[in-house]
Protein backbone atom coordinates (compact mmCIF):
# COMPACT_ATOMS: atom_id res chain seq x y z
CA MET A 1 121.52 108.73 99.25
CA SER A 2 118.12 110.02 100.13
CA SER A 3 117.73 112.91 102.54
CA GLU A 4 115.36 112.18 105.37
CA ARG A 5 112.29 114.37 105.25
CA GLY A 6 112.41 117.06 107.92
CA SER A 7 115.99 116.44 108.99
CA GLU A 8 119.57 117.02 107.92
CA VAL A 9 120.57 113.36 108.25
CA GLU A 10 121.29 111.33 105.14
CA VAL A 11 119.83 107.82 105.22
CA ALA A 12 120.16 105.17 102.53
CA ILE A 13 119.54 101.47 102.13
CA ARG A 14 121.89 99.31 100.12
CA PRO A 15 122.42 95.62 99.38
CA PHE A 16 124.36 93.71 102.02
CA ARG A 17 128.02 92.90 101.53
CA GLU A 18 129.66 89.85 103.06
CA ALA A 19 132.02 92.23 104.91
CA ASP A 20 129.01 93.54 106.90
CA TRP A 21 128.98 90.46 109.14
CA PRO A 22 130.66 92.14 112.18
CA ALA A 23 127.87 94.73 112.29
CA VAL A 24 125.22 91.99 111.95
CA HIS A 25 126.88 90.06 114.78
CA ARG A 26 126.82 93.17 116.98
CA TRP A 27 123.15 93.96 116.21
CA PHE A 28 121.83 90.50 117.00
CA ASN A 29 123.74 90.49 120.27
CA ASN A 30 122.39 93.90 121.32
CA ARG A 31 119.73 92.74 123.80
CA GLU A 32 118.02 96.13 123.94
CA ALA A 33 117.74 96.36 120.14
CA ILE A 34 116.46 92.82 119.58
CA SER A 35 113.89 93.05 122.39
CA SER A 36 111.51 94.71 119.90
CA LEU A 37 111.72 91.91 117.33
CA MET A 38 108.99 89.33 116.82
CA GLU A 39 111.36 86.53 117.83
CA VAL A 40 114.37 86.82 120.13
CA ARG A 41 117.27 84.42 119.63
CA PRO A 42 119.08 83.27 122.76
CA SER A 43 122.46 83.64 121.04
CA PHE A 44 123.94 84.70 117.71
CA SER A 45 127.50 83.56 116.98
CA GLU A 46 130.03 84.96 114.53
CA GLU A 47 129.28 81.92 112.34
CA ASP A 48 125.55 82.76 112.51
CA ALA A 49 126.34 86.36 111.51
CA ARG A 50 128.50 85.29 108.57
CA GLY A 51 125.79 82.92 107.32
CA TRP A 52 123.01 85.47 107.76
CA THR A 53 125.03 88.15 105.95
CA GLU A 54 126.04 85.82 103.13
CA ALA A 55 122.38 84.89 102.56
CA ALA A 56 121.32 88.56 102.71
CA ALA A 57 124.03 89.52 100.20
CA GLY A 58 122.91 86.73 97.87
CA ALA A 59 119.49 88.34 97.43
CA GLU A 60 117.85 85.19 96.12
CA GLY A 61 114.42 83.76 96.81
CA GLU A 62 111.44 85.55 98.29
CA ASP A 63 113.22 87.61 100.96
CA ARG A 64 115.32 90.75 100.50
CA LYS A 65 117.36 92.59 103.11
CA TRP A 66 119.10 95.97 102.92
CA ALA A 67 121.74 97.53 105.14
CA ILE A 68 120.84 100.94 106.56
CA GLU A 69 123.54 103.57 106.09
CA VAL A 70 123.74 106.91 107.83
CA ALA A 71 126.03 109.63 106.47
CA GLY A 72 129.23 109.89 108.48
CA ARG A 73 129.10 106.32 109.78
CA ASP A 74 131.59 103.68 108.60
CA GLU A 75 129.28 100.69 109.10
CA PRO A 76 125.55 100.18 108.61
CA VAL A 77 123.44 100.76 111.73
CA GLY A 78 120.74 98.18 111.02
CA PHE A 79 118.69 96.61 108.29
CA THR A 80 115.30 96.51 106.65
CA ALA A 81 113.73 93.53 104.94
CA LEU A 82 110.82 92.42 102.83
CA TYR A 83 109.80 88.84 103.54
CA GLY A 84 107.66 86.84 101.13
CA LEU A 85 108.05 88.80 97.90
CA PHE A 86 106.73 87.58 94.55
CA ARG A 87 103.79 85.65 96.03
CA GLN A 88 100.07 86.15 95.69
CA THR A 89 100.11 87.41 99.27
CA ALA A 90 101.70 90.66 100.36
CA PRO A 91 105.28 90.86 101.65
CA GLU A 92 106.02 91.65 105.28
CA LEU A 93 108.28 94.54 106.30
CA GLY A 94 110.95 93.90 108.91
CA ALA A 95 113.51 96.26 110.41
CA LEU A 96 116.13 96.45 113.12
CA ILE A 97 118.23 99.37 114.26
CA GLY A 98 121.05 97.51 115.97
CA ASP A 99 123.47 100.39 116.58
CA HIS A 100 122.45 103.78 117.91
CA PRO A 101 122.55 105.96 114.77
CA GLY A 102 123.17 109.20 116.66
CA VAL A 103 120.13 110.92 115.14
CA ARG A 104 116.37 110.43 115.22
CA GLY A 105 114.23 109.16 112.35
CA VAL A 106 116.73 106.77 110.77
CA GLY A 107 114.51 103.69 111.09
CA ARG A 108 111.46 105.57 109.89
CA GLU A 109 113.24 106.80 106.76
CA ALA A 110 114.87 103.42 106.07
CA GLU A 111 111.47 101.76 106.29
CA ARG A 112 109.99 104.38 103.94
CA LEU A 113 112.75 103.70 101.40
CA THR A 114 112.13 99.95 101.69
CA VAL A 115 108.37 100.23 101.23
CA ALA A 116 108.91 102.56 98.25
CA LYS A 117 111.15 99.87 96.76
CA ALA A 118 108.43 97.25 97.39
CA PHE A 119 105.83 99.24 95.47
CA GLU A 120 107.94 101.01 92.84
CA GLU A 121 110.50 98.31 91.95
CA LEU A 122 109.30 94.93 93.19
CA GLY A 123 105.62 95.02 92.20
CA ALA A 124 104.06 94.59 95.64
CA HIS A 125 100.34 95.33 95.81
CA ARG A 126 100.40 95.74 99.60
CA VAL A 127 102.91 95.61 102.47
CA TYR A 128 102.13 94.60 106.02
CA GLY A 129 103.94 94.33 109.31
CA ARG A 130 103.54 92.50 112.60
CA ILE A 131 104.49 94.75 115.51
CA PRO A 132 104.69 93.74 119.17
CA ALA A 133 102.03 95.87 120.85
CA PHE A 134 104.55 97.55 123.19
CA ASN A 135 106.72 98.84 120.31
CA GLU A 136 105.52 102.43 120.13
CA ALA A 137 108.45 103.59 117.96
CA ALA A 138 107.58 101.07 115.24
CA LYS A 139 103.92 102.06 115.33
CA LYS A 140 104.82 105.75 115.01
CA ALA A 141 107.03 104.95 112.01
CA VAL A 142 104.29 103.14 110.10
CA LEU A 143 101.65 105.72 111.04
CA TRP A 144 103.91 108.41 109.58
CA GLN A 145 104.05 106.37 106.36
CA GLY A 146 100.24 106.22 106.17
CA TRP A 147 99.74 102.64 107.35
CA LYS A 148 96.54 101.54 109.11
CA HIS A 149 96.14 99.37 112.21
CA GLU A 150 94.27 96.30 110.97
CA GLY A 151 93.93 94.22 114.11
CA THR A 152 95.50 92.76 117.19
CA MET A 153 96.37 89.14 117.89
CA PRO A 154 96.21 88.65 121.67
CA GLU A 155 99.14 86.79 123.25
CA HIS A 156 100.57 85.97 119.81
CA ILE A 157 104.24 86.17 120.89
CA ARG A 158 105.69 83.97 123.62
CA ARG A 159 109.13 85.02 124.86
CA PRO A 160 111.61 82.42 126.13
CA ASP A 161 110.74 83.41 129.73
CA GLY A 162 107.06 82.63 129.06
CA THR A 163 105.89 86.26 128.76
CA LEU A 164 102.96 86.55 126.34
CA ILE A 165 102.77 89.67 124.16
CA ASP A 166 100.00 90.95 121.93
CA CYS A 167 100.91 91.50 118.29
CA GLU A 168 99.40 94.22 116.11
CA ILE A 169 98.95 93.94 112.35
CA TRP A 170 99.56 97.09 110.32
CA GLY A 171 99.43 97.52 106.56
CA ILE A 172 99.20 99.74 103.51
CA THR A 173 98.17 99.13 99.92
CA ALA A 174 99.99 100.45 96.87
CA ALA A 175 97.11 102.88 96.27
CA GLY A 176 97.24 104.09 99.89
CA TRP A 177 101.02 104.56 99.57
CA ARG A 178 100.64 106.65 96.42
CA ARG A 179 97.99 108.82 98.10
CA ARG A 180 100.20 109.34 101.19
CA TRP A 181 103.25 110.40 99.22
CA ALA A 182 101.28 112.46 96.72
CA GLY A 183 100.13 114.62 99.63
CA GLU A 184 96.56 113.28 99.62
CA GLY A 185 96.78 110.99 102.65
């Protein structure tokens, strides 16, 4: 496990296991947690959770997902993902904290571990993220990592109730990442 910088909490990311499906089911039915996602599903059944978890555990194709573990917790509290790996274009970071982890900074550290994996293990040249403009916690997490705001897409997200939400694009290059974590950025 990796110790979160500036805190006593231990945070790690690990491959999904098929037995993680109850946690996945709980996360995607936590209306408060999923409200910050790009897309909100109206429902997420146990069958949906089993399928999602099985695919995540398979780790095939262009997408990878990792369960977020916090020391002292029996189940993962959320997940991170890289979507669109191994292409000419950069992968997109995704994350969800579906259970309250009991400490601050868990999502931030899990995202940092995921982006490090993108650059150090998976050969990404850049990572980007789409963040609903209202999601201040997500923006703080990527700012802490050294990411830059690259633009805003007005009314990019339409919620099921018709609400239109601006979406911000944030990103970092491999060189920018190395500078940030070498103490230069």
